[in-house]
Amino acid sequence: MPRLLLRATATASAVLGLAQTVLAGSFLNGHYEALRTHELTAMALGGLLIAQLPVAALVRRGGGAGGARGPWWPLGATALLLAASGAQMGTGYERAVGVHVTLGVLLVSGLLFGLVGAWRPGPASLASPATSDAEPLAESGTGSGAGSGSGTGDGGDGGSGRLPRPTGAGADAVEVAP
């Protein structure tokens, strides 16, 4: 459930962040009434990030198989985004446009990276017995090598996002630096 809430808050945050870019561009194009909506959207984004902080803590707390803790990045990223959002509002009210625009680009980029991370399947969801195909791969000789996380159904990457090393005929044709 916390993972689902993280996905919801990360999605809403990204939508608000993208709306901010449209509103800022509209203001810079001379539609001055967009500035008030830009301010209200910034406040909504800050409030949403405050709400996301305990959700990220619950994701970190985990509760997965064997009492494993969840990833740390949602909590750290949310705290950093919240701080950046506060700094962003401060620079906006001070009319420090150069810093405000630059920080805005970084903030929206961070929100989008958080969105991708929240929707990326975690190792626990990929390791369910119903979707695990590690045994047939190991029998056919095309599975991952030792120490690569085989048997979890996660493609042999242990959830790291790395591709498994090639095995089988012709796998030695490519030199890979460690």
N, C-alpha and C. Protein backbone atom coordinates (compact mmCIF):
# COMPACT_ATOMS: atom_id res chain seq x y z
N MET A 1 0.80 -1.20 0.00
CA MET A 1 0.00 0.00 0.00
C MET A 1 0.85 1.28 0.00
N PRO A 2 1.93 1.34 0.82
CA PRO A 2 2.75 2.56 0.76
C PRO A 2 3.32 2.81 -0.64
N ARG A 3 3.69 1.73 -1.35
CA ARG A 3 4.24 1.89 -2.70
C ARG A 3 3.21 2.51 -3.64
N LEU A 4 1.95 2.09 -3.49
CA LEU A 4 0.88 2.64 -4.31
C LEU A 4 0.67 4.12 -3.99
N LEU A 5 0.72 4.47 -2.71
CA LEU A 5 0.60 5.88 -2.31
C LEU A 5 1.76 6.71 -2.83
N LEU A 6 2.97 6.12 -2.80
CA LEU A 6 4.13 6.83 -3.35
C LEU A 6 3.94 7.09 -4.84
N ARG A 7 3.44 6.10 -5.55
CA ARG A 7 3.18 6.29 -6.99
C ARG A 7 2.16 7.39 -7.22
N ALA A 8 1.11 7.43 -6.39
CA ALA A 8 0.08 8.46 -6.55
C ALA A 8 0.64 9.85 -6.27
N THR A 9 1.39 10.00 -5.17
CA THR A 9 1.93 11.32 -4.84
C THR A 9 3.01 11.75 -5.83
N ALA A 10 3.83 10.81 -6.28
CA ALA A 10 4.87 11.15 -7.26
C ALA A 10 4.24 11.56 -8.59
N THR A 11 3.16 10.89 -8.98
CA THR A 11 2.47 11.25 -10.23
C THR A 11 1.85 12.63 -10.11
N ALA A 12 1.15 12.87 -9.00
CA ALA A 12 0.53 14.19 -8.82
C ALA A 12 1.59 15.29 -8.75
N SER A 13 2.71 15.02 -8.08
CA SER A 13 3.80 16.01 -7.99
C SER A 13 4.36 16.32 -9.37
N ALA A 14 4.56 15.30 -10.19
CA ALA A 14 5.09 15.52 -11.54
C ALA A 14 4.11 16.32 -12.39
N VAL A 15 2.83 16.04 -12.25
CA VAL A 15 1.81 16.79 -13.01
C VAL A 15 1.83 18.26 -12.58
N LEU A 16 1.91 18.50 -11.27
CA LEU A 16 1.97 19.89 -10.80
C LEU A 16 3.26 20.57 -11.27
N GLY A 17 4.36 19.85 -11.25
CA GLY A 17 5.63 20.41 -11.72
C GLY A 17 5.57 20.79 -13.19
N LEU A 18 4.98 19.91 -13.99
CA LEU A 18 4.85 20.23 -15.42
C LEU A 18 3.88 21.38 -15.64
N ALA A 19 2.82 21.45 -14.83
CA ALA A 19 1.90 22.59 -14.93
C ALA A 19 2.63 23.89 -14.60
N GLN A 20 3.57 23.83 -13.66
CA GLN A 20 4.34 25.02 -13.31
C GLN A 20 5.13 25.55 -14.50
N THR A 21 5.68 24.64 -15.30
CA THR A 21 6.45 25.09 -16.47
C THR A 21 5.54 25.82 -17.47
N VAL A 22 4.33 25.32 -17.64
CA VAL A 22 3.38 25.96 -18.56
C VAL A 22 2.97 27.32 -18.01
N LEU A 23 2.69 27.36 -16.72
CA LEU A 23 2.27 28.63 -16.11
C LEU A 23 3.39 29.66 -16.13
N ALA A 24 4.62 29.23 -15.88
CA ALA A 24 5.76 30.16 -15.92
C ALA A 24 5.95 30.69 -17.34
N GLY A 25 5.86 29.81 -18.31
CA GLY A 25 6.00 30.25 -19.70
C GLY A 25 4.89 31.21 -20.10
N SER A 26 3.70 30.94 -19.64
CA SER A 26 2.57 31.82 -19.93
C SER A 26 2.79 33.21 -19.32
N PHE A 27 3.29 33.25 -18.08
CA PHE A 27 3.59 34.52 -17.44
C PHE A 27 4.67 35.27 -18.20
N LEU A 28 5.73 34.56 -18.58
CA LEU A 28 6.82 35.20 -19.30
C LEU A 28 6.40 35.68 -20.68
N ASN A 29 5.32 35.10 -21.23
CA ASN A 29 4.78 35.54 -22.52
C ASN A 29 3.82 36.72 -22.38
N GLY A 30 3.63 37.22 -21.16
CA GLY A 30 2.80 38.40 -20.99
C GLY A 30 1.43 38.14 -20.40
N HIS A 31 1.09 36.93 -20.08
CA HIS A 31 -0.20 36.62 -19.45
C HIS A 31 0.00 36.70 -17.93
N TYR A 32 -0.09 37.90 -17.41
CA TYR A 32 0.29 38.15 -16.02
C TYR A 32 -0.64 37.52 -15.01
N GLU A 33 -1.86 37.21 -15.43
CA GLU A 33 -2.79 36.54 -14.51
C GLU A 33 -2.34 35.12 -14.20
N ALA A 34 -1.45 34.54 -15.00
CA ALA A 34 -0.94 33.19 -14.75
C ALA A 34 -0.02 33.15 -13.53
N LEU A 35 0.47 34.31 -13.10
CA LEU A 35 1.38 34.34 -11.95
C LEU A 35 0.68 33.89 -10.66
N ARG A 36 -0.57 34.28 -10.47
CA ARG A 36 -1.31 33.87 -9.26
C ARG A 36 -1.52 32.35 -9.26
N THR A 37 -1.87 31.79 -10.41
CA THR A 37 -2.05 30.33 -10.52
C THR A 37 -0.72 29.63 -10.31
N HIS A 38 0.36 30.21 -10.80
CA HIS A 38 1.71 29.66 -10.60
C HIS A 38 2.02 29.61 -9.10
N GLU A 39 1.67 30.67 -8.39
CA GLU A 39 1.90 30.71 -6.93
C GLU A 39 1.07 29.65 -6.22
N LEU A 40 -0.21 29.52 -6.56
CA LEU A 40 -1.07 28.54 -5.90
C LEU A 40 -0.64 27.11 -6.21
N THR A 41 -0.17 26.88 -7.42
CA THR A 41 0.32 25.55 -7.79
C THR A 41 1.59 25.22 -7.03
N ALA A 42 2.44 26.22 -6.82
CA ALA A 42 3.66 26.00 -6.03
C ALA A 42 3.30 25.61 -4.60
N MET A 43 2.31 26.26 -4.03
CA MET A 43 1.88 25.92 -2.67
C MET A 43 1.30 24.51 -2.62
N ALA A 44 0.52 24.15 -3.62
CA ALA A 44 -0.05 22.80 -3.68
C ALA A 44 1.06 21.76 -3.81
N LEU A 45 2.07 22.06 -4.61
CA LEU A 45 3.20 21.14 -4.77
C LEU A 45 3.95 20.98 -3.46
N GLY A 46 4.20 22.08 -2.76
CA GLY A 46 4.86 22.00 -1.46
C GLY A 46 4.06 21.16 -0.47
N GLY A 47 2.75 21.37 -0.43
CA GLY A 47 1.90 20.58 0.46
C GLY A 47 1.89 19.11 0.10
N LEU A 48 1.90 18.82 -1.18
CA LEU A 48 1.93 17.43 -1.63
C LEU A 48 3.25 16.76 -1.27
N LEU A 49 4.34 17.49 -1.38
CA LEU A 49 5.64 16.93 -0.99
C LEU A 49 5.72 16.71 0.52
N ILE A 50 5.09 17.58 1.29
CA ILE A 50 5.01 17.35 2.74
C ILE A 50 4.24 16.07 3.03
N ALA A 51 3.14 15.86 2.31
CA ALA A 51 2.35 14.64 2.49
C ALA A 51 3.10 13.40 2.01
N GLN A 52 3.97 13.57 1.02
CA GLN A 52 4.72 12.44 0.48
C GLN A 52 5.83 11.99 1.42
N LEU A 53 6.30 12.85 2.28
CA LEU A 53 7.40 12.52 3.19
C LEU A 53 7.09 11.32 4.09
N PRO A 54 5.95 11.28 4.80
CA PRO A 54 5.67 10.07 5.59
C PRO A 54 5.41 8.83 4.74
N VAL A 55 4.88 9.04 3.54
CA VAL A 55 4.67 7.90 2.63
C VAL A 55 6.02 7.30 2.25
N ALA A 56 6.98 8.17 1.94
CA ALA A 56 8.32 7.69 1.59
C ALA A 56 8.97 6.99 2.78
N ALA A 57 8.70 7.48 3.99
CA ALA A 57 9.23 6.82 5.19
C ALA A 57 8.63 5.42 5.34
N LEU A 58 7.35 5.27 5.02
CA LEU A 58 6.72 3.94 5.09
C LEU A 58 7.30 3.00 4.03
N VAL A 59 7.60 3.54 2.86
CA VAL A 59 8.22 2.70 1.82
C VAL A 59 9.59 2.25 2.30
N ARG A 60 10.34 3.14 2.94
CA ARG A 60 11.68 2.79 3.47
C ARG A 60 11.57 1.76 4.59
N ARG A 61 10.55 1.93 5.42
CA ARG A 61 10.36 0.99 6.53
C ARG A 61 10.19 -0.43 6.01
N GLY A 62 9.60 -0.56 4.84
CA GLY A 62 9.53 -1.87 4.19
C GLY A 62 8.48 -2.78 4.77
N GLY A 63 8.94 -3.97 5.10
CA GLY A 63 8.02 -5.00 5.55
C GLY A 63 7.94 -6.10 4.52
N GLY A 64 8.92 -6.13 3.64
CA GLY A 64 8.95 -7.16 2.60
C GLY A 64 9.38 -8.50 3.16
N ALA A 65 9.71 -9.41 2.28
CA ALA A 65 10.09 -10.76 2.65
C ALA A 65 11.29 -10.74 3.60
N GLY A 66 11.18 -11.46 4.71
CA GLY A 66 12.28 -11.54 5.66
C GLY A 66 12.50 -10.25 6.43
N GLY A 67 11.50 -9.37 6.45
CA GLY A 67 11.64 -8.11 7.17
C GLY A 67 12.59 -7.14 6.49
N ALA A 68 12.84 -7.32 5.20
CA ALA A 68 13.77 -6.46 4.47
C ALA A 68 13.23 -5.03 4.40
N ARG A 69 14.12 -4.08 4.53
CA ARG A 69 13.75 -2.68 4.41
C ARG A 69 13.63 -2.30 2.95
N GLY A 70 12.82 -1.29 2.71
CA GLY A 70 12.64 -0.79 1.35
C GLY A 70 13.80 0.11 0.96
N PRO A 71 13.76 0.63 -0.26
CA PRO A 71 14.83 1.51 -0.73
C PRO A 71 14.84 2.83 0.04
N TRP A 72 16.03 3.42 0.15
CA TRP A 72 16.18 4.68 0.87
C TRP A 72 15.87 5.88 0.00
N TRP A 73 15.98 5.74 -1.33
CA TRP A 73 15.91 6.90 -2.21
C TRP A 73 14.59 7.67 -2.13
N PRO A 74 13.40 7.01 -1.95
CA PRO A 74 12.19 7.85 -1.90
C PRO A 74 12.20 8.86 -0.75
N LEU A 75 12.72 8.45 0.39
CA LEU A 75 12.76 9.35 1.54
C LEU A 75 13.76 10.49 1.31
N GLY A 76 14.96 10.15 0.85
CA GLY A 76 15.97 11.17 0.58
C GLY A 76 15.56 12.11 -0.54
N ALA A 77 15.02 11.54 -1.60
CA ALA A 77 14.61 12.36 -2.74
C ALA A 77 13.45 13.29 -2.37
N THR A 78 12.50 12.77 -1.60
CA THR A 78 11.37 13.60 -1.20
C THR A 78 11.83 14.75 -0.32
N ALA A 79 12.73 14.47 0.62
CA ALA A 79 13.25 15.53 1.49
C ALA A 79 13.99 16.59 0.67
N LEU A 80 14.78 16.14 -0.29
CA LEU A 80 15.53 17.08 -1.14
C LEU A 80 14.57 17.89 -2.02
N LEU A 81 13.55 17.24 -2.58
CA LEU A 81 12.58 17.96 -3.41
C LEU A 81 11.79 18.96 -2.58
N LEU A 82 11.47 18.60 -1.35
CA LEU A 82 10.75 19.52 -0.47
C LEU A 82 11.60 20.75 -0.16
N ALA A 83 12.87 20.54 0.13
CA ALA A 83 13.78 21.67 0.37
C ALA A 83 13.91 22.54 -0.87
N ALA A 84 14.04 21.90 -2.03
CA ALA A 84 14.15 22.66 -3.28
C ALA A 84 12.87 23.43 -3.57
N SER A 85 11.74 22.84 -3.24
CA SER A 85 10.46 23.52 -3.45
C SER A 85 10.37 24.77 -2.57
N GLY A 86 10.81 24.64 -1.32
CA GLY A 86 10.81 25.80 -0.44
C GLY A 86 11.74 26.89 -0.93
N ALA A 87 12.93 26.49 -1.38
CA ALA A 87 13.87 27.47 -1.94
C ALA A 87 13.32 28.10 -3.20
N GLN A 88 12.61 27.31 -3.97
CA GLN A 88 12.00 27.79 -5.22
C GLN A 88 10.95 28.87 -4.92
N MET A 89 10.13 28.62 -3.91
CA MET A 89 9.12 29.63 -3.54
C MET A 89 9.80 30.90 -3.02
N GLY A 90 10.85 30.72 -2.22
CA GLY A 90 11.57 31.89 -1.70
C GLY A 90 12.18 32.73 -2.80
N THR A 91 12.81 32.10 -3.78
CA THR A 91 13.41 32.86 -4.88
C THR A 91 12.35 33.50 -5.75
N GLY A 92 11.18 32.87 -5.84
CA GLY A 92 10.09 33.47 -6.61
C GLY A 92 9.57 34.73 -5.95
N TYR A 93 9.36 34.67 -4.62
CA TYR A 93 8.88 35.85 -3.90
C TYR A 93 9.91 36.96 -3.89
N GLU A 94 11.19 36.61 -3.92
CA GLU A 94 12.26 37.61 -3.96
C GLU A 94 12.50 38.13 -5.38
N ARG A 95 11.83 37.57 -6.33
CA ARG A 95 11.95 37.92 -7.75
C ARG A 95 13.39 37.75 -8.27
N ALA A 96 14.05 36.71 -7.76
CA ALA A 96 15.39 36.35 -8.26
C ALA A 96 15.18 35.40 -9.44
N VAL A 97 14.81 35.96 -10.57
CA VAL A 97 14.34 35.18 -11.71
C VAL A 97 15.39 34.21 -12.23
N GLY A 98 16.64 34.63 -12.30
CA GLY A 98 17.69 33.74 -12.81
C GLY A 98 17.83 32.48 -11.98
N VAL A 99 17.86 32.64 -10.66
CA VAL A 99 17.96 31.48 -9.77
C VAL A 99 16.65 30.70 -9.79
N HIS A 100 15.52 31.41 -9.81
CA HIS A 100 14.20 30.79 -9.78
C HIS A 100 13.98 29.87 -10.98
N VAL A 101 14.33 30.34 -12.15
CA VAL A 101 14.14 29.53 -13.36
C VAL A 101 15.09 28.33 -13.35
N THR A 102 16.34 28.55 -12.99
CA THR A 102 17.31 27.45 -12.94
C THR A 102 16.89 26.39 -11.94
N LEU A 103 16.52 26.82 -10.74
CA LEU A 103 16.07 25.88 -9.72
C LEU A 103 14.79 25.18 -10.15
N GLY A 104 13.93 25.89 -10.88
CA GLY A 104 12.69 25.29 -11.38
C GLY A 104 12.96 24.15 -12.35
N VAL A 105 13.94 24.34 -13.22
CA VAL A 105 14.31 23.27 -14.16
C VAL A 105 14.82 22.05 -13.39
N LEU A 106 15.66 22.31 -12.40
CA LEU A 106 16.19 21.20 -11.59
C LEU A 106 15.10 20.52 -10.79
N LEU A 107 14.18 21.29 -10.25
CA LEU A 107 13.08 20.74 -9.46
C LEU A 107 12.18 19.86 -10.30
N VAL A 108 11.79 20.33 -11.46
CA VAL A 108 10.92 19.53 -12.34
C VAL A 108 11.67 18.28 -12.80
N SER A 109 12.95 18.39 -13.08
CA SER A 109 13.73 17.20 -13.45
C SER A 109 13.72 16.19 -12.31
N GLY A 110 13.92 16.67 -11.09
CA GLY A 110 13.89 15.78 -9.93
C GLY A 110 12.53 15.13 -9.74
N LEU A 111 11.46 15.88 -9.95
CA LEU A 111 10.11 15.32 -9.85
C LEU A 111 9.89 14.22 -10.88
N LEU A 112 10.40 14.43 -12.08
CA LEU A 112 10.22 13.42 -13.13
C LEU A 112 11.06 12.18 -12.86
N PHE A 113 12.27 12.37 -12.34
CA PHE A 113 13.08 11.20 -11.95
C PHE A 113 12.39 10.44 -10.82
N GLY A 114 11.80 11.16 -9.88
CA GLY A 114 11.05 10.51 -8.80
C GLY A 114 9.85 9.74 -9.33
N LEU A 115 9.19 10.29 -10.33
CA LEU A 115 8.05 9.61 -10.95
C LEU A 115 8.48 8.30 -11.59
N VAL A 116 9.57 8.34 -12.33
CA VAL A 116 10.08 7.12 -12.97
C VAL A 116 10.48 6.09 -11.92
N GLY A 117 11.17 6.54 -10.88
CA GLY A 117 11.58 5.62 -9.82
C GLY A 117 10.41 5.01 -9.08
N ALA A 118 9.36 5.79 -8.86
CA ALA A 118 8.19 5.28 -8.13
C ALA A 118 7.45 4.23 -8.94
N TRP A 119 7.44 4.37 -10.25
CA TRP A 119 6.71 3.42 -11.10
C TRP A 119 7.58 2.25 -11.57
N ARG A 120 8.86 2.33 -11.31
CA ARG A 120 9.72 1.21 -11.68
C ARG A 120 9.44 0.02 -10.76
N PRO A 121 9.27 -1.17 -11.33
CA PRO A 121 8.98 -2.33 -10.47
C PRO A 121 10.14 -2.61 -9.54
N GLY A 122 9.84 -2.87 -8.29
CA GLY A 122 10.85 -3.21 -7.31
C GLY A 122 11.18 -4.70 -7.36
N PRO A 123 12.28 -5.12 -6.76
CA PRO A 123 12.66 -6.53 -6.75
C PRO A 123 11.60 -7.43 -6.16
N ALA A 124 10.87 -6.97 -5.14
CA ALA A 124 9.87 -7.82 -4.50
C ALA A 124 8.74 -8.15 -5.46
N SER A 125 8.32 -7.18 -6.27
CA SER A 125 7.22 -7.45 -7.18
C SER A 125 7.66 -8.35 -8.33
N LEU A 126 8.92 -8.29 -8.68
CA LEU A 126 9.41 -9.13 -9.76
C LEU A 126 9.76 -10.54 -9.28
N ALA A 127 9.92 -10.70 -7.97
CA ALA A 127 10.37 -11.98 -7.45
C ALA A 127 9.23 -12.90 -7.05
N SER A 128 8.00 -12.54 -7.39
CA SER A 128 6.88 -13.39 -6.99
C SER A 128 6.97 -14.73 -7.70
N PRO A 129 6.61 -15.82 -7.00
CA PRO A 129 6.72 -17.14 -7.60
C PRO A 129 5.91 -17.30 -8.87
N ALA A 130 4.80 -16.58 -8.99
CA ALA A 130 3.96 -16.72 -10.17
C ALA A 130 4.66 -16.22 -11.43
N THR A 131 5.56 -15.25 -11.30
CA THR A 131 6.21 -14.71 -12.49
C THR A 131 7.66 -15.15 -12.63
N SER A 132 8.14 -15.94 -11.68
CA SER A 132 9.54 -16.35 -11.73
C SER A 132 9.76 -17.39 -12.81
N ASP A 133 10.67 -17.11 -13.72
CA ASP A 133 11.01 -18.07 -14.76
C ASP A 133 12.48 -18.46 -14.66
N ALA A 134 13.04 -18.33 -13.46
CA ALA A 134 14.46 -18.62 -13.29
C ALA A 134 14.78 -20.09 -13.45
N GLU A 135 13.92 -20.97 -13.01
CA GLU A 135 14.19 -22.40 -13.10
C GLU A 135 14.29 -22.87 -14.55
N PRO A 136 13.31 -22.54 -15.43
CA PRO A 136 13.45 -23.00 -16.81
C PRO A 136 14.70 -22.44 -17.49
N LEU A 137 15.07 -21.21 -17.18
CA LEU A 137 16.25 -20.64 -17.79
C LEU A 137 17.50 -21.39 -17.34
N ALA A 138 17.56 -21.72 -16.05
CA ALA A 138 18.72 -22.42 -15.52
C ALA A 138 18.85 -23.80 -16.13
N GLU A 139 17.72 -24.47 -16.39
CA GLU A 139 17.76 -25.81 -16.97
C GLU A 139 18.24 -25.78 -18.42
N SER A 140 17.90 -24.73 -19.15
CA SER A 140 18.27 -24.68 -20.55
C SER A 140 19.69 -24.17 -20.76
N GLY A 141 20.34 -23.73 -19.68
CA GLY A 141 21.72 -23.26 -19.80
C GLY A 141 21.83 -21.82 -20.22
N THR A 142 20.71 -21.07 -20.22
CA THR A 142 20.77 -19.67 -20.62
C THR A 142 20.55 -18.73 -19.45
N GLY A 143 20.52 -19.25 -18.23
CA GLY A 143 20.30 -18.41 -17.05
C GLY A 143 21.54 -17.60 -16.71
N SER A 144 21.41 -16.77 -15.73
CA SER A 144 22.52 -15.94 -15.30
C SER A 144 23.51 -16.76 -14.50
N GLY A 145 24.72 -16.27 -14.42
CA GLY A 145 25.79 -16.97 -13.71
C GLY A 145 25.64 -16.83 -12.21
N ALA A 146 26.56 -17.44 -11.48
CA ALA A 146 26.52 -17.42 -10.04
C ALA A 146 26.71 -16.00 -9.51
N GLY A 147 25.98 -15.71 -8.44
CA GLY A 147 26.14 -14.41 -7.79
C GLY A 147 25.43 -13.28 -8.50
N SER A 148 24.60 -13.59 -9.46
CA SER A 148 23.93 -12.52 -10.19
C SER A 148 22.48 -12.40 -9.81
N GLY A 149 22.06 -13.11 -8.77
CA GLY A 149 20.69 -12.96 -8.33
C GLY A 149 19.76 -13.93 -9.00
N SER A 150 20.27 -14.96 -9.65
CA SER A 150 19.37 -15.90 -10.30
C SER A 150 18.53 -16.59 -9.26
N GLY A 151 17.35 -17.01 -9.67
CA GLY A 151 16.43 -17.65 -8.77
C GLY A 151 15.43 -16.67 -8.18
N THR A 152 15.58 -15.38 -8.46
CA THR A 152 14.64 -14.40 -7.94
C THR A 152 13.65 -13.97 -9.00
N GLY A 153 13.86 -14.34 -10.24
CA GLY A 153 12.96 -13.95 -11.31
C GLY A 153 13.13 -12.50 -11.71
N ASP A 154 14.23 -11.88 -11.35
CA ASP A 154 14.42 -10.46 -11.63
C ASP A 154 15.36 -10.22 -12.80
N GLY A 155 15.56 -11.22 -13.63
CA GLY A 155 16.43 -11.02 -14.78
C GLY A 155 17.89 -11.11 -14.42
N GLY A 156 18.21 -11.52 -13.19
CA GLY A 156 19.59 -11.70 -12.79
C GLY A 156 20.29 -10.42 -12.38
N ASP A 157 19.54 -9.34 -12.26
CA ASP A 157 20.20 -8.09 -11.90
C ASP A 157 20.01 -7.71 -10.45
N GLY A 158 19.27 -8.52 -9.69
CA GLY A 158 19.07 -8.24 -8.29
C GLY A 158 18.36 -6.91 -8.04
N GLY A 159 17.65 -6.41 -9.05
CA GLY A 159 16.94 -5.14 -8.91
C GLY A 159 17.82 -3.92 -9.14
N SER A 160 19.06 -4.13 -9.59
CA SER A 160 19.97 -3.01 -9.75
C SER A 160 19.76 -2.26 -11.06
N GLY A 161 19.02 -2.86 -11.99
CA GLY A 161 18.82 -2.23 -13.29
C GLY A 161 19.90 -2.56 -14.29
N ARG A 162 20.88 -3.34 -13.90
CA ARG A 162 21.95 -3.73 -14.81
C ARG A 162 21.54 -4.95 -15.60
N LEU A 163 22.04 -5.02 -16.80
CA LEU A 163 21.76 -6.19 -17.63
C LEU A 163 22.64 -7.36 -17.19
N PRO A 164 22.12 -8.59 -17.27
CA PRO A 164 22.96 -9.74 -16.90
C PRO A 164 24.05 -9.96 -17.94
N ARG A 165 25.15 -10.55 -17.50
CA ARG A 165 26.23 -10.88 -18.43
C ARG A 165 25.76 -11.98 -19.37
N PRO A 166 26.15 -11.91 -20.63
CA PRO A 166 25.76 -12.95 -21.58
C PRO A 166 26.41 -14.28 -21.23
N THR A 167 25.67 -15.35 -21.47
CA THR A 167 26.20 -16.70 -21.27
C THR A 167 25.91 -17.52 -22.51
N GLY A 168 26.53 -18.67 -22.60
CA GLY A 168 26.28 -19.57 -23.72
C GLY A 168 27.29 -19.37 -24.84
N ALA A 169 26.98 -19.97 -25.99
CA ALA A 169 27.88 -19.92 -27.15
C ALA A 169 28.06 -18.49 -27.63
N GLY A 170 29.29 -18.11 -27.87
CA GLY A 170 29.61 -16.79 -28.40
C GLY A 170 29.69 -15.70 -27.35
N ALA A 171 29.44 -16.04 -26.08
CA ALA A 171 29.44 -15.01 -25.02
C ALA A 171 30.85 -14.50 -24.78
N ASP A 172 31.88 -15.29 -25.10
CA ASP A 172 33.25 -14.85 -24.88
C ASP A 172 33.77 -13.95 -25.98
N ALA A 173 32.99 -13.74 -27.02
CA ALA A 173 33.43 -12.94 -28.16
C ALA A 173 33.51 -11.46 -27.79
N VAL A 174 32.82 -11.03 -26.76
CA VAL A 174 32.80 -9.63 -26.37
C VAL A 174 33.56 -9.49 -25.07
N GLU A 175 34.56 -8.60 -25.06
CA GLU A 175 35.32 -8.33 -23.84
C GLU A 175 34.59 -7.26 -23.05
N VAL A 176 34.32 -7.52 -21.80
CA VAL A 176 33.67 -6.56 -20.95
C VAL A 176 34.60 -6.22 -19.81
N ALA A 177 34.91 -4.94 -19.67
CA ALA A 177 35.79 -4.52 -18.58
C ALA A 177 35.03 -4.62 -17.26
N PRO A 178 35.66 -5.10 -16.20
CA PRO A 178 34.95 -5.22 -14.91
C PRO A 178 34.63 -3.88 -14.30
